[in-house]
Amino acid sequence: MELSDEQFDTLISKAMDELPQEYITGLDNVAIVMADTPTEEQKIKMKLRENTILLGLYEGIPLTQRGAGYTFVLPDKITLFKHSILRVVRTEEELFEQIKRTLWHEIAHYYGLNHDHMHRLQNPN
């Protein structure tokens, strides 16, 4: 599937519009960006193995870990990796849903949720 950066960015914006807005408006000092693939530095930081696909990445200090001294810091960053996401989808509908799911996952990290907590919220049974 071919997709321009502009098309991918439009899908990210559309996904943001469809996520619960109380979580979107609560994002403070967070940049949401896209990249084709993770950098070597990001791969090392995440300890990625050779064939691991990283769809998105939250880099920053989660809200639950911020103290009174959290001032004058660079923005946290959520990156969605276009080529990685394109590798795991087959249709335009799957593409949009994967972007939305990945974005939601990384926003959850901003709010301090770990993978176990996210899994419990998404699968309450």
C-alpha atoms as a PDB file:
ATOM      1  CA  MET A   1       0.000   0.000   0.000  1.00  0.00           C
ATOM      2  CA  GLU A   2       1.388   3.398  -0.978  1.00  0.00           C
ATOM      3  CA  LEU A   3       0.710   6.362   1.271  1.00  0.00           C
ATOM      4  CA  SER A   4       2.149   9.863   1.215  1.00  0.00           C
ATOM      5  CA  ASP A   5       3.278  11.584   4.392  1.00  0.00           C
ATOM      6  CA  GLU A   6       0.410  14.047   3.976  1.00  0.00           C
ATOM      7  CA  GLN A   7      -2.140  11.212   3.752  1.00  0.00           C
ATOM      8  CA  PHE A   8      -0.646   9.539   6.821  1.00  0.00           C
ATOM      9  CA  ASP A   9      -0.729  12.826   8.736  1.00  0.00           C
ATOM     10  CA  THR A  10      -4.379  13.316   7.762  1.00  0.00           C
ATOM     11  CA  LEU A  11      -5.212   9.861   9.133  1.00  0.00           C
ATOM     12  CA  ILE A  12      -3.439  10.705  12.407  1.00  0.00           C
ATOM     13  CA  SER A  13      -5.540  13.885  12.696  1.00  0.00           C
ATOM     14  CA  LYS A  14      -8.724  11.946  11.951  1.00  0.00           C
ATOM     15  CA  ALA A  15      -7.793   9.345  14.577  1.00  0.00           C
ATOM     16  CA  MET A  16      -7.184  12.110  17.135  1.00  0.00           C
ATOM     17  CA  ASP A  17     -10.681  13.435  16.413  1.00  0.00           C
ATOM     18  CA  GLU A  18     -12.203  10.005  17.075  1.00  0.00           C
ATOM     19  CA  LEU A  19     -10.422   9.291  20.361  1.00  0.00           C
ATOM     20  CA  PRO A  20     -12.074  10.368  23.638  1.00  0.00           C
ATOM     21  CA  GLN A  21     -11.496  14.105  23.652  1.00  0.00           C
ATOM     22  CA  GLU A  22     -10.962  14.385  27.408  1.00  0.00           C
ATOM     23  CA  TYR A  23      -7.728  12.437  26.918  1.00  0.00           C
ATOM     24  CA  ILE A  24      -6.683  14.453  23.874  1.00  0.00           C
ATOM     25  CA  THR A  25      -7.302  17.844  25.484  1.00  0.00           C
ATOM     26  CA  GLY A  26      -5.423  16.604  28.563  1.00  0.00           C
ATOM     27  CA  LEU A  27      -2.227  16.168  26.570  1.00  0.00           C
ATOM     28  CA  ASP A  28       0.080  18.887  27.830  1.00  0.00           C
ATOM     29  CA  ASN A  29       3.493  19.579  26.350  1.00  0.00           C
ATOM     30  CA  VAL A  30       3.294  16.607  23.947  1.00  0.00           C
ATOM     31  CA  ALA A  31       4.309  16.603  20.283  1.00  0.00           C
ATOM     32  CA  ILE A  32       2.678  13.992  18.055  1.00  0.00           C
ATOM     33  CA  VAL A  33       4.860  13.273  15.049  1.00  0.00           C
ATOM     34  CA  MET A  34       5.364  10.685  12.365  1.00  0.00           C
ATOM     35  CA  ALA A  35       8.480   9.026  11.007  1.00  0.00           C
ATOM     36  CA  ASP A  36       9.050   6.370   8.392  1.00  0.00           C
ATOM     37  CA  THR A  37      10.907   4.030  10.753  1.00  0.00           C
ATOM     38  CA  PRO A  38      12.468   4.125  14.228  1.00  0.00           C
ATOM     39  CA  THR A  39      15.938   5.639  14.450  1.00  0.00           C
ATOM     40  CA  GLU A  40      18.892   3.501  15.521  1.00  0.00           C
ATOM     41  CA  GLU A  41      18.851   5.353  18.848  1.00  0.00           C
ATOM     42  CA  GLN A  42      15.162   4.482  19.377  1.00  0.00           C
ATOM     43  CA  LYS A  43      15.799   0.833  18.478  1.00  0.00           C
ATOM     44  CA  ILE A  44      18.646   0.630  20.997  1.00  0.00           C
ATOM     45  CA  LYS A  45      16.637   2.431  23.684  1.00  0.00           C
ATOM     46  CA  MET A  46      13.731   0.003  23.219  1.00  0.00           C
ATOM     47  CA  LYS A  47      16.091  -3.016  22.966  1.00  0.00           C
ATOM     48  CA  LEU A  48      14.419  -4.111  19.738  1.00  0.00           C
ATOM     49  CA  ARG A  49      15.420  -7.404  18.227  1.00  0.00           C
ATOM     50  CA  GLU A  50      16.212  -7.677  14.526  1.00  0.00           C
ATOM     51  CA  ASN A  51      12.701  -8.511  13.235  1.00  0.00           C
ATOM     52  CA  THR A  52      10.639  -6.591  15.807  1.00  0.00           C
ATOM     53  CA  ILE A  53       8.168  -4.076  14.432  1.00  0.00           C
ATOM     54  CA  LEU A  54       7.699  -0.887  16.448  1.00  0.00           C
ATOM     55  CA  LEU A  55       4.449   0.838  15.483  1.00  0.00           C
ATOM     56  CA  GLY A  56       4.653   3.787  17.830  1.00  0.00           C
ATOM     57  CA  LEU A  57       6.728   5.193  20.654  1.00  0.00           C
ATOM     58  CA  TYR A  58       6.106   7.476  23.624  1.00  0.00           C
ATOM     59  CA  GLU A  59       9.202   9.322  24.780  1.00  0.00           C
ATOM     60  CA  GLY A  60       8.874  11.480  27.853  1.00  0.00           C
ATOM     61  CA  ILE A  61       7.916  11.567  31.492  1.00  0.00           C
ATOM     62  CA  PRO A  62       4.455  10.102  32.165  1.00  0.00           C
ATOM     63  CA  LEU A  63       2.047  12.260  34.168  1.00  0.00           C
ATOM     64  CA  THR A  64       2.206   9.800  37.065  1.00  0.00           C
ATOM     65  CA  GLN A  65       5.962  10.410  37.428  1.00  0.00           C
ATOM     66  CA  ARG A  66       5.997  14.196  37.232  1.00  0.00           C
ATOM     67  CA  GLY A  67       6.746  16.115  40.379  1.00  0.00           C
ATOM     68  CA  ALA A  68       6.739  19.726  41.434  1.00  0.00           C
ATOM     69  CA  GLY A  69      10.031  20.274  39.607  1.00  0.00           C
ATOM     70  CA  TYR A  70       8.534  19.407  36.220  1.00  0.00           C
ATOM     71  CA  THR A  71       8.967  22.802  34.562  1.00  0.00           C
ATOM     72  CA  PHE A  72      10.795  24.159  31.547  1.00  0.00           C
ATOM     73  CA  VAL A  73      11.217  20.734  29.932  1.00  0.00           C
ATOM     74  CA  LEU A  74      11.156  19.817  26.277  1.00  0.00           C
ATOM     75  CA  PRO A  75       7.871  18.361  25.048  1.00  0.00           C
ATOM     76  CA  ASP A  76       7.204  14.665  25.379  1.00  0.00           C
ATOM     77  CA  LYS A  77       6.971  12.999  21.994  1.00  0.00           C
ATOM     78  CA  ILE A  78       4.653  10.401  20.513  1.00  0.00           C
ATOM     79  CA  THR A  79       5.914   9.028  17.210  1.00  0.00           C
ATOM     80  CA  LEU A  80       3.906   6.869  14.816  1.00  0.00           C
ATOM     81  CA  PHE A  81       6.039   4.879  12.383  1.00  0.00           C
ATOM     82  CA  LYS A  82       4.452   4.882   8.936  1.00  0.00           C
ATOM     83  CA  HIS A  83       6.373   2.027   7.305  1.00  0.00           C
ATOM     84  CA  SER A  84       5.952  -0.201  10.359  1.00  0.00           C
ATOM     85  CA  ILE A  85       2.197   0.369  10.446  1.00  0.00           C
ATOM     86  CA  LEU A  86       1.912  -0.231   6.696  1.00  0.00           C
ATOM     87  CA  ARG A  87       3.655  -3.608   7.173  1.00  0.00           C
ATOM     88  CA  VAL A  88       0.898  -4.927   9.472  1.00  0.00           C
ATOM     89  CA  VAL A  89      -2.226  -3.846   7.569  1.00  0.00           C
ATOM     90  CA  ARG A  90      -3.836  -4.923   4.322  1.00  0.00           C
ATOM     91  CA  THR A  91      -6.692  -2.496   3.773  1.00  0.00           C
ATOM     92  CA  GLU A  92      -7.344   1.217   4.203  1.00  0.00           C
ATOM     93  CA  GLU A  93      -9.822   0.421   6.990  1.00  0.00           C
ATOM     94  CA  GLU A  94      -7.210  -1.656   8.839  1.00  0.00           C
ATOM     95  CA  LEU A  95      -4.706   1.148   8.322  1.00  0.00           C
ATOM     96  CA  PHE A  96      -6.922   3.731   9.986  1.00  0.00           C
ATOM     97  CA  GLU A  97      -7.829   1.408  12.856  1.00  0.00           C
ATOM     98  CA  GLN A  98      -4.159   0.560  13.433  1.00  0.00           C
ATOM     99  CA  ILE A  99      -3.188   4.234  13.484  1.00  0.00           C
ATOM    100  CA  LYS A 100      -5.963   4.950  15.988  1.00  0.00           C
ATOM    101  CA  ARG A 101      -5.038   1.933  18.166  1.00  0.00           C
ATOM    102  CA  THR A 102      -1.324   2.831  18.108  1.00  0.00           C
ATOM    103  CA  LEU A 103      -2.007   6.471  18.916  1.00  0.00           C
ATOM    104  CA  TRP A 104      -4.300   5.477  21.798  1.00  0.00           C
ATOM    105  CA  HIS A 105      -1.647   3.066  23.115  1.00  0.00           C
ATOM    106  CA  GLU A 106       1.053   5.745  23.156  1.00  0.00           C
ATOM    107  CA  ILE A 107      -1.288   8.296  24.746  1.00  0.00           C
ATOM    108  CA  ALA A 108      -1.988   5.732  27.480  1.00  0.00           C
ATOM    109  CA  HIS A 109       1.762   5.658  28.205  1.00  0.00           C
ATOM    110  CA  TYR A 110       1.650   9.452  28.608  1.00  0.00           C
ATOM    111  CA  TYR A 111      -1.032   8.962  31.263  1.00  0.00           C
ATOM    112  CA  GLY A 112       1.219   6.449  33.033  1.00  0.00           C
ATOM    113  CA  LEU A 113      -0.461   3.195  32.045  1.00  0.00           C
ATOM    114  CA  ASN A 114       1.774   0.176  31.515  1.00  0.00           C
ATOM    115  CA  HIS A 115       1.051  -2.647  29.063  1.00  0.00           C
ATOM    116  CA  ASP A 116      -0.619  -4.872  31.687  1.00  0.00           C
ATOM    117  CA  HIS A 117      -2.980  -2.079  32.741  1.00  0.00           C
ATOM    118  CA  MET A 118      -3.816  -1.277  29.112  1.00  0.00           C
ATOM    119  CA  HIS A 119      -4.531  -4.946  28.397  1.00  0.00           C
ATOM    120  CA  ARG A 120      -6.881  -5.150  31.421  1.00  0.00           C
ATOM    121  CA  LEU A 121      -8.749  -2.044  30.300  1.00  0.00           C
ATOM    122  CA  GLN A 122      -9.119  -3.317  26.748  1.00  0.00           C
ATOM    123  CA  ASN A 123     -10.063  -6.885  27.802  1.00  0.00           C
ATOM    124  CA  PRO A 124     -12.074  -6.633  31.054  1.00  0.00           C
ATOM    125  CA  ASN A 125     -13.230 -10.282  30.975  1.00  0.00           C
END
